[in-house]
Amino acid sequence: MWTSPRPTVNVHVAQTGDCYACATDESLLKGMLRLGRKGIPVGCVNGGCGVCKVRIVEGGVQPLGPVSRAHVSTEEEAQGYTLACRVAPTQAVCLEVAARLRKPFLGSAASVAQRPAN
């Protein structure tokens, strides 16, 4: 099992029940990809496409960069929505994949395009 010399917290993906350790200085998405987990849909990995939109149900995150208002409005942000590629956990997190992606996310594994991080 992978262990990090950096502080980590547990991240739980509500729809699948998957849990993974994520360093407090890496994005929620990068932590998931590093471990080879499926769960959060992957796109450009830098905040431009909005594919990794999630809602933080419990826990806390800190920004790693700006979140495009084209993908997360101020109202959505107030409801806990963010892009998994643009935030790092500050404490244990439970997240849900955004509702607009729920159908392909909950379908077969082949229906959610995954690609390795660059």
C-alpha atoms as a PDB file:
ATOM      1  CA  MET A   1       0.000   0.000   0.000  1.00  0.00           C
ATOM      2  CA  TRP A   2       1.238   3.488  -0.855  1.00  0.00           C
ATOM      3  CA  THR A   3       2.203   5.710   2.052  1.00  0.00           C
ATOM      4  CA  SER A   4       3.051   9.367   1.803  1.00  0.00           C
ATOM      5  CA  PRO A   5       5.626  11.283   3.808  1.00  0.00           C
ATOM      6  CA  ARG A   6       3.155  14.191   3.562  1.00  0.00           C
ATOM      7  CA  PRO A   7       0.070  14.506   5.762  1.00  0.00           C
ATOM      8  CA  THR A   8      -2.931  12.744   4.245  1.00  0.00           C
ATOM      9  CA  VAL A   9      -6.652  12.577   4.952  1.00  0.00           C
ATOM     10  CA  ASN A  10      -9.328  10.136   3.833  1.00  0.00           C
ATOM     11  CA  VAL A  11     -11.595  11.020   0.914  1.00  0.00           C
ATOM     12  CA  HIS A  12     -14.873   9.135   0.477  1.00  0.00           C
ATOM     13  CA  VAL A  13     -16.813   9.080  -2.823  1.00  0.00           C
ATOM     14  CA  ALA A  14     -20.449   8.813  -1.707  1.00  0.00           C
ATOM     15  CA  GLN A  15     -21.884   7.186  -4.852  1.00  0.00           C
ATOM     16  CA  THR A  16     -19.429   4.277  -4.944  1.00  0.00           C
ATOM     17  CA  GLY A  17     -18.303   3.959  -1.349  1.00  0.00           C
ATOM     18  CA  ASP A  18     -14.667   4.189  -2.493  1.00  0.00           C
ATOM     19  CA  CYS A  19     -12.191   5.744  -0.053  1.00  0.00           C
ATOM     20  CA  TYR A  20      -8.631   6.865  -0.685  1.00  0.00           C
ATOM     21  CA  ALA A  21      -5.888   8.771   1.089  1.00  0.00           C
ATOM     22  CA  CYS A  22      -5.157  12.206  -0.353  1.00  0.00           C
ATOM     23  CA  ALA A  23      -2.262  14.452   0.649  1.00  0.00           C
ATOM     24  CA  THR A  24      -3.307  17.823   2.012  1.00  0.00           C
ATOM     25  CA  ASP A  25      -1.216  19.557  -0.675  1.00  0.00           C
ATOM     26  CA  GLU A  26      -2.578  17.671  -3.704  1.00  0.00           C
ATOM     27  CA  SER A  27      -5.896  17.938  -5.513  1.00  0.00           C
ATOM     28  CA  LEU A  28      -8.733  15.555  -4.711  1.00  0.00           C
ATOM     29  CA  LEU A  29      -8.554  14.415  -8.331  1.00  0.00           C
ATOM     30  CA  LYS A  30      -4.783  13.860  -8.378  1.00  0.00           C
ATOM     31  CA  GLY A  31      -4.978  11.780  -5.204  1.00  0.00           C
ATOM     32  CA  MET A  32      -7.625   9.566  -6.763  1.00  0.00           C
ATOM     33  CA  LEU A  33      -5.714   9.218 -10.037  1.00  0.00           C
ATOM     34  CA  ARG A  34      -2.420   8.448  -8.286  1.00  0.00           C
ATOM     35  CA  LEU A  35      -4.049   5.485  -6.593  1.00  0.00           C
ATOM     36  CA  GLY A  36      -5.656   4.247  -9.805  1.00  0.00           C
ATOM     37  CA  ARG A  37      -9.179   4.640  -8.417  1.00  0.00           C
ATOM     38  CA  LYS A  38     -12.221   5.130 -10.555  1.00  0.00           C
ATOM     39  CA  GLY A  39     -14.770   7.531  -9.207  1.00  0.00           C
ATOM     40  CA  ILE A  40     -14.403  11.161 -10.180  1.00  0.00           C
ATOM     41  CA  PRO A  41     -14.680  11.693 -13.964  1.00  0.00           C
ATOM     42  CA  VAL A  42     -11.449  12.996 -15.502  1.00  0.00           C
ATOM     43  CA  GLY A  43     -11.056  15.635 -18.168  1.00  0.00           C
ATOM     44  CA  CYS A  44      -8.358  18.253 -18.666  1.00  0.00           C
ATOM     45  CA  VAL A  45      -7.086  18.075 -15.030  1.00  0.00           C
ATOM     46  CA  ASN A  46      -6.533  21.861 -14.804  1.00  0.00           C
ATOM     47  CA  GLY A  47      -9.963  23.433 -14.268  1.00  0.00           C
ATOM     48  CA  GLY A  48     -10.853  24.200 -17.875  1.00  0.00           C
ATOM     49  CA  CYS A  49     -13.458  21.571 -18.712  1.00  0.00           C
ATOM     50  CA  GLY A  50     -15.569  21.161 -15.552  1.00  0.00           C
ATOM     51  CA  VAL A  51     -15.862  17.378 -15.919  1.00  0.00           C
ATOM     52  CA  CYS A  52     -14.579  16.712 -12.373  1.00  0.00           C
ATOM     53  CA  LYS A  53     -17.290  18.810 -10.707  1.00  0.00           C
ATOM     54  CA  VAL A  54     -18.104  17.521  -7.244  1.00  0.00           C
ATOM     55  CA  ARG A  55     -20.042  18.625  -4.176  1.00  0.00           C
ATOM     56  CA  ILE A  56     -18.276  18.539  -0.829  1.00  0.00           C
ATOM     57  CA  VAL A  57     -20.821  16.920   1.493  1.00  0.00           C
ATOM     58  CA  GLU A  58     -18.600  16.823   4.582  1.00  0.00           C
ATOM     59  CA  GLY A  59     -15.117  18.008   5.407  1.00  0.00           C
ATOM     60  CA  GLY A  60     -13.039  20.881   4.174  1.00  0.00           C
ATOM     61  CA  VAL A  61     -10.972  21.859   1.164  1.00  0.00           C
ATOM     62  CA  GLN A  62      -8.645  24.691   0.199  1.00  0.00           C
ATOM     63  CA  PRO A  63      -8.256  26.178  -3.281  1.00  0.00           C
ATOM     64  CA  LEU A  64      -5.252  25.244  -5.421  1.00  0.00           C
ATOM     65  CA  GLY A  65      -6.192  27.734  -8.105  1.00  0.00           C
ATOM     66  CA  PRO A  66      -9.190  29.588  -9.475  1.00  0.00           C
ATOM     67  CA  VAL A  67     -12.400  27.734 -10.318  1.00  0.00           C
ATOM     68  CA  SER A  68     -13.996  28.883 -13.572  1.00  0.00           C
ATOM     69  CA  ARG A  69     -17.403  30.513 -13.093  1.00  0.00           C
ATOM     70  CA  ALA A  70     -18.338  28.891 -16.406  1.00  0.00           C
ATOM     71  CA  HIS A  71     -18.340  25.572 -14.509  1.00  0.00           C
ATOM     72  CA  VAL A  72     -19.110  26.513 -10.884  1.00  0.00           C
ATOM     73  CA  SER A  73     -21.301  29.546 -10.194  1.00  0.00           C
ATOM     74  CA  THR A  74     -21.096  31.491  -6.930  1.00  0.00           C
ATOM     75  CA  GLU A  75     -24.443  29.969  -5.928  1.00  0.00           C
ATOM     76  CA  GLU A  76     -23.158  26.443  -6.590  1.00  0.00           C
ATOM     77  CA  GLU A  77     -19.953  27.180  -4.701  1.00  0.00           C
ATOM     78  CA  ALA A  78     -22.042  28.272  -1.703  1.00  0.00           C
ATOM     79  CA  GLN A  79     -23.777  24.859  -1.898  1.00  0.00           C
ATOM     80  CA  GLY A  80     -20.420  23.024  -1.747  1.00  0.00           C
ATOM     81  CA  TYR A  81     -19.735  22.519  -5.472  1.00  0.00           C
ATOM     82  CA  THR A  82     -16.190  22.783  -6.784  1.00  0.00           C
ATOM     83  CA  LEU A  83     -13.822  21.129  -9.267  1.00  0.00           C
ATOM     84  CA  ALA A  84     -11.891  18.200  -7.800  1.00  0.00           C
ATOM     85  CA  CYS A  85      -8.793  19.208  -9.773  1.00  0.00           C
ATOM     86  CA  ARG A  86      -8.681  22.672  -8.150  1.00  0.00           C
ATOM     87  CA  VAL A  87      -8.986  21.880  -4.421  1.00  0.00           C
ATOM     88  CA  ALA A  88      -6.955  20.013  -1.790  1.00  0.00           C
ATOM     89  CA  PRO A  89      -8.438  18.507   1.367  1.00  0.00           C
ATOM     90  CA  THR A  90      -7.802  20.186   4.722  1.00  0.00           C
ATOM     91  CA  GLN A  91      -9.587  17.414   6.628  1.00  0.00           C
ATOM     92  CA  ALA A  92     -11.416  14.160   5.837  1.00  0.00           C
ATOM     93  CA  VAL A  93     -13.829  14.687   2.929  1.00  0.00           C
ATOM     94  CA  CYS A  94     -17.018  13.047   1.717  1.00  0.00           C
ATOM     95  CA  LEU A  95     -17.926  14.119  -1.809  1.00  0.00           C
ATOM     96  CA  GLU A  96     -20.566  13.451  -4.426  1.00  0.00           C
ATOM     97  CA  VAL A  97     -20.001  13.585  -8.161  1.00  0.00           C
ATOM     98  CA  ALA A  98     -22.084  16.451  -9.630  1.00  0.00           C
ATOM     99  CA  ALA A  99     -25.697  15.620 -10.500  1.00  0.00           C
ATOM    100  CA  ARG A 100     -25.317  16.389 -14.216  1.00  0.00           C
ATOM    101  CA  LEU A 101     -22.698  13.640 -14.428  1.00  0.00           C
ATOM    102  CA  ARG A 102     -24.485  11.188 -12.156  1.00  0.00           C
ATOM    103  CA  LYS A 103     -26.050   9.068 -14.946  1.00  0.00           C
ATOM    104  CA  PRO A 104     -22.814   8.337 -16.859  1.00  0.00           C
ATOM    105  CA  PHE A 105     -20.923   8.058 -13.570  1.00  0.00           C
ATOM    106  CA  LEU A 106     -23.240   5.416 -12.186  1.00  0.00           C
ATOM    107  CA  GLY A 107     -23.358   3.495 -15.480  1.00  0.00           C
ATOM    108  CA  SER A 108     -20.787   0.944 -16.537  1.00  0.00           C
ATOM    109  CA  ALA A 109     -17.116   1.710 -15.945  1.00  0.00           C
ATOM    110  CA  ALA A 110     -16.660   1.963 -19.712  1.00  0.00           C
ATOM    111  CA  SER A 111     -19.123   4.849 -19.923  1.00  0.00           C
ATOM    112  CA  VAL A 112     -16.872   7.137 -17.869  1.00  0.00           C
ATOM    113  CA  ALA A 113     -13.774   8.035 -19.829  1.00  0.00           C
ATOM    114  CA  GLN A 114     -10.724   7.903 -17.599  1.00  0.00           C
ATOM    115  CA  ARG A 115      -7.259   8.933 -18.629  1.00  0.00           C
ATOM    116  CA  PRO A 116      -3.996   9.018 -16.710  1.00  0.00           C
ATOM    117  CA  ALA A 117      -2.651  12.290 -15.338  1.00  0.00           C
ATOM    118  CA  ASN A 118      -0.038  14.049 -17.409  1.00  0.00           C
END
